[in-house]
């Protein structure tokens, strides 16, 4: 074999080796880039989920606060209604006593007429 043939074979082997190396390097780069992209997508999804979750918690806390205010107002109203009810019950008792007394007086007047 001549030197030219050997050099051509070596150049061909070197070209194939460089091609294989480039292919492997490109595959690894694509794999790394894909992993990086997945990590970025996962991080973005996590941030969106976190924002949604925190927003939901804030909304629930606002609703709880509103319910507490409403409950306090209703408690005050119940106390007022209980006081009104109590005074009305006293007034009903007074009116029943007055009614009873008037009924008795009417009966006495009817008896005197007869």
C-alpha atoms as a PDB file:
ATOM      1  CA  UNK A   1       0.000   0.000   0.000  1.00  0.00           C
ATOM      2  CA  UNK A   2       1.156   3.343  -0.833  1.00  0.00           C
ATOM      3  CA  UNK A   3       1.450   6.200   1.514  1.00  0.00           C
ATOM      4  CA  UNK A   4      -1.337   8.077  -0.251  1.00  0.00           C
ATOM      5  CA  UNK A   5      -3.801   5.221   0.312  1.00  0.00           C
ATOM      6  CA  UNK A   6      -2.837   4.989   3.989  1.00  0.00           C
ATOM      7  CA  UNK A   7      -3.230   8.747   4.396  1.00  0.00           C
ATOM      8  CA  UNK A   8      -6.625   8.630   2.677  1.00  0.00           C
ATOM      9  CA  UNK A   9      -7.760   5.762   4.935  1.00  0.00           C
ATOM     10  CA  UNK A  10      -6.518   7.604   8.016  1.00  0.00           C
ATOM     11  CA  UNK A  11      -8.257  10.785   6.870  1.00  0.00           C
ATOM     12  CA  UNK A  12     -11.455   8.817   6.257  1.00  0.00           C
ATOM     13  CA  UNK A  13     -11.213   7.205   9.729  1.00  0.00           C
ATOM     14  CA  UNK A  14     -10.471  10.621  11.246  1.00  0.00           C
ATOM     15  CA  UNK A  15     -13.471  12.133   9.410  1.00  0.00           C
ATOM     16  CA  UNK A  16     -15.726   9.312  10.653  1.00  0.00           C
ATOM     17  CA  UNK A  17     -14.377   9.738  14.204  1.00  0.00           C
ATOM     18  CA  UNK A  18     -15.001  13.491  14.075  1.00  0.00           C
ATOM     19  CA  UNK A  19     -18.528  12.887  12.700  1.00  0.00           C
ATOM     20  CA  UNK A  20     -19.314  10.372  15.439  1.00  0.00           C
ATOM     21  CA  UNK A  21     -17.900  12.728  18.078  1.00  0.00           C
ATOM     22  CA  UNK A  22     -19.941  15.601  16.709  1.00  0.00           C
ATOM     23  CA  UNK A  23     -23.076  13.460  16.684  1.00  0.00           C
ATOM     24  CA  UNK A  24     -22.528  12.314  20.290  1.00  0.00           C
ATOM     25  CA  UNK A  25     -21.784  15.889  21.382  1.00  0.00           C
ATOM     26  CA  UNK A  26     -24.866  17.230  19.641  1.00  0.00           C
ATOM     27  CA  UNK A  27     -27.016  14.481  21.169  1.00  0.00           C
ATOM     28  CA  UNK A  28     -25.706  15.292  24.638  1.00  0.00           C
ATOM     29  CA  UNK A  29     -26.265  19.014  24.066  1.00  0.00           C
ATOM     30  CA  UNK A  30     -29.826  18.396  22.908  1.00  0.00           C
ATOM     31  CA  UNK A  31     -30.437  16.159  25.901  1.00  0.00           C
ATOM     32  CA  UNK A  32     -29.039  18.775  28.280  1.00  0.00           C
ATOM     33  CA  UNK A  33     -31.057  21.493  26.600  1.00  0.00           C
ATOM     34  CA  UNK A  34     -34.214  19.372  26.821  1.00  0.00           C
ATOM     35  CA  UNK A  35     -33.557  18.730  30.518  1.00  0.00           C
ATOM     36  CA  UNK A  36     -32.995  22.451  31.038  1.00  0.00           C
ATOM     37  CA  UNK A  37     -36.194  23.256  29.162  1.00  0.00           C
ATOM     38  CA  UNK A  38     -38.130  20.716  31.247  1.00  0.00           C
ATOM     39  CA  UNK A  39     -36.709  22.234  34.421  1.00  0.00           C
ATOM     40  CA  UNK A  40     -37.684  25.728  33.257  1.00  0.00           C
ATOM     41  CA  UNK A  41     -41.186  24.563  32.352  1.00  0.00           C
ATOM     42  CA  UNK A  42     -41.524  22.786  35.703  1.00  0.00           C
ATOM     43  CA  UNK A  43     -40.332  25.885  37.548  1.00  0.00           C
ATOM     44  CA  UNK A  44     -42.785  28.091  35.654  1.00  0.00           C
ATOM     45  CA  UNK A  45     -45.634  25.658  36.333  1.00  0.00           C
ATOM     46  CA  UNK A  46     -44.703  25.596  40.018  1.00  0.00           C
ATOM     47  CA  UNK A  47     -44.734  29.403  40.170  1.00  0.00           C
ATOM     48  CA  UNK A  48     -48.151  29.571  38.461  1.00  0.00           C
ATOM     49  CA  UNK A  49     -49.555  26.938  40.823  1.00  0.00           C
ATOM     50  CA  UNK A  50     -48.063  28.774  43.794  1.00  0.00           C
ATOM     51  CA  UNK A  51     -49.665  32.062  42.700  1.00  0.00           C
ATOM     52  CA  UNK A  52     -53.044  30.384  42.210  1.00  0.00           C
ATOM     53  CA  UNK A  53     -52.812  28.650  45.593  1.00  0.00           C
ATOM     54  CA  UNK A  54     -51.786  31.843  47.404  1.00  0.00           C
ATOM     55  CA  UNK A  55     -54.544  33.791  45.670  1.00  0.00           C
ATOM     56  CA  UNK A  56     -57.098  31.175  46.759  1.00  0.00           C
ATOM     57  CA  UNK A  57     -55.823  31.377  50.343  1.00  0.00           C
ATOM     58  CA  UNK A  58     -56.052  35.191  50.290  1.00  0.00           C
ATOM     59  CA  UNK A  59     -59.607  35.003  48.971  1.00  0.00           C
ATOM     60  CA  UNK A  60     -60.603  32.509  51.668  1.00  0.00           C
ATOM     61  CA  UNK A  61     -59.053  34.670  54.379  1.00  0.00           C
ATOM     62  CA  UNK A  62     -60.987  37.695  53.105  1.00  0.00           C
ATOM     63  CA  UNK A  63     -64.198  35.673  53.132  1.00  0.00           C
ATOM     64  CA  UNK A  64     -63.493  34.469  56.676  1.00  0.00           C
ATOM     65  CA  UNK A  65     -62.930  38.061  57.815  1.00  0.00           C
ATOM     66  CA  UNK A  66     -66.178  39.175  56.144  1.00  0.00           C
ATOM     67  CA  UNK A  67     -68.044  36.313  57.835  1.00  0.00           C
ATOM     68  CA  UNK A  68     -66.594  37.289  61.209  1.00  0.00           C
ATOM     69  CA  UNK A  69     -67.794  40.864  60.762  1.00  0.00           C
ATOM     70  CA  UNK A  70     -71.210  39.624  59.677  1.00  0.00           C
ATOM     71  CA  UNK A  71     -71.371  37.235  62.637  1.00  0.00           C
ATOM     72  CA  UNK A  72     -70.501  40.056  65.034  1.00  0.00           C
ATOM     73  CA  UNK A  73     -73.239  42.234  63.552  1.00  0.00           C
ATOM     74  CA  UNK A  74     -75.743  39.382  63.778  1.00  0.00           C
ATOM     75  CA  UNK A  75     -74.745  38.709  67.398  1.00  0.00           C
ATOM     76  CA  UNK A  76     -75.464  42.340  68.239  1.00  0.00           C
ATOM     77  CA  UNK A  77     -78.802  42.147  66.450  1.00  0.00           C
ATOM     78  CA  UNK A  78     -79.742  38.953  68.299  1.00  0.00           C
ATOM     79  CA  UNK A  79     -78.951  40.637  71.631  1.00  0.00           C
ATOM     80  CA  UNK A  80     -81.168  43.614  70.679  1.00  0.00           C
ATOM     81  CA  UNK A  81     -83.984  41.287  69.615  1.00  0.00           C
ATOM     82  CA  UNK A  82     -83.707  39.322  72.853  1.00  0.00           C
ATOM     83  CA  UNK A  83     -83.966  42.548  74.867  1.00  0.00           C
ATOM     84  CA  UNK A  84     -86.967  43.670  72.807  1.00  0.00           C
ATOM     85  CA  UNK A  85     -88.576  40.270  73.250  1.00  0.00           C
ATOM     86  CA  UNK A  86     -88.012  40.410  76.989  1.00  0.00           C
ATOM     87  CA  UNK A  87     -89.571  43.878  77.311  1.00  0.00           C
ATOM     88  CA  UNK A  88     -92.505  42.805  75.101  1.00  0.00           C
ATOM     89  CA  UNK A  89     -93.084  39.767  77.321  1.00  0.00           C
ATOM     90  CA  UNK A  90     -93.167  42.064  80.361  1.00  0.00           C
ATOM     91  CA  UNK A  91     -95.599  44.373  78.548  1.00  0.00           C
ATOM     92  CA  UNK A  92     -97.821  41.400  77.561  1.00  0.00           C
ATOM     93  CA  UNK A  93     -97.894  40.336  81.208  1.00  0.00           C
ATOM     94  CA  UNK A  94     -98.909  43.854  82.236  1.00  0.00           C
ATOM     95  CA  UNK A  95    -101.633  43.970  79.570  1.00  0.00           C
ATOM     96  CA  UNK A  96    -102.949  40.559  80.620  1.00  0.00           C
ATOM     97  CA  UNK A  97    -103.133  41.766  84.211  1.00  0.00           C
ATOM     98  CA  UNK A  98    -104.951  44.926  83.070  1.00  0.00           C
ATOM     99  CA  UNK A  99    -107.282  42.841  80.908  1.00  0.00           C
ATOM    100  CA  UNK A 100    -108.008  40.539  83.811  1.00  0.00           C
ATOM    101  CA  UNK A 101    -108.736  43.512  86.059  1.00  0.00           C
ATOM    102  CA  UNK A 102    -111.005  45.131  83.446  1.00  0.00           C
ATOM    103  CA  UNK A 103    -112.831  41.824  82.888  1.00  0.00           C
ATOM    104  CA  UNK A 104    -113.411  41.590  86.619  1.00  0.00           C
ATOM    105  CA  UNK A 105    -114.712  45.171  86.742  1.00  0.00           C
ATOM    106  CA  UNK A 106    -117.056  44.533  83.791  1.00  0.00           C
ATOM    107  CA  UNK A 107    -118.414  41.439  85.520  1.00  0.00           C
ATOM    108  CA  UNK A 108    -119.022  43.436  88.720  1.00  0.00           C
ATOM    109  CA  UNK A 109    -120.798  46.172  86.788  1.00  0.00           C
ATOM    110  CA  UNK A 110    -123.024  43.625  85.037  1.00  0.00           C
ATOM    111  CA  UNK A 111    -123.937  42.064  88.362  1.00  0.00           C
ATOM    112  CA  UNK A 112    -124.870  45.468  89.803  1.00  0.00           C
ATOM    113  CA  UNK A 113    -127.159  46.163  86.850  1.00  0.00           C
ATOM    114  CA  UNK A 114    -129.073  42.984  87.335  1.00  0.00           C
END
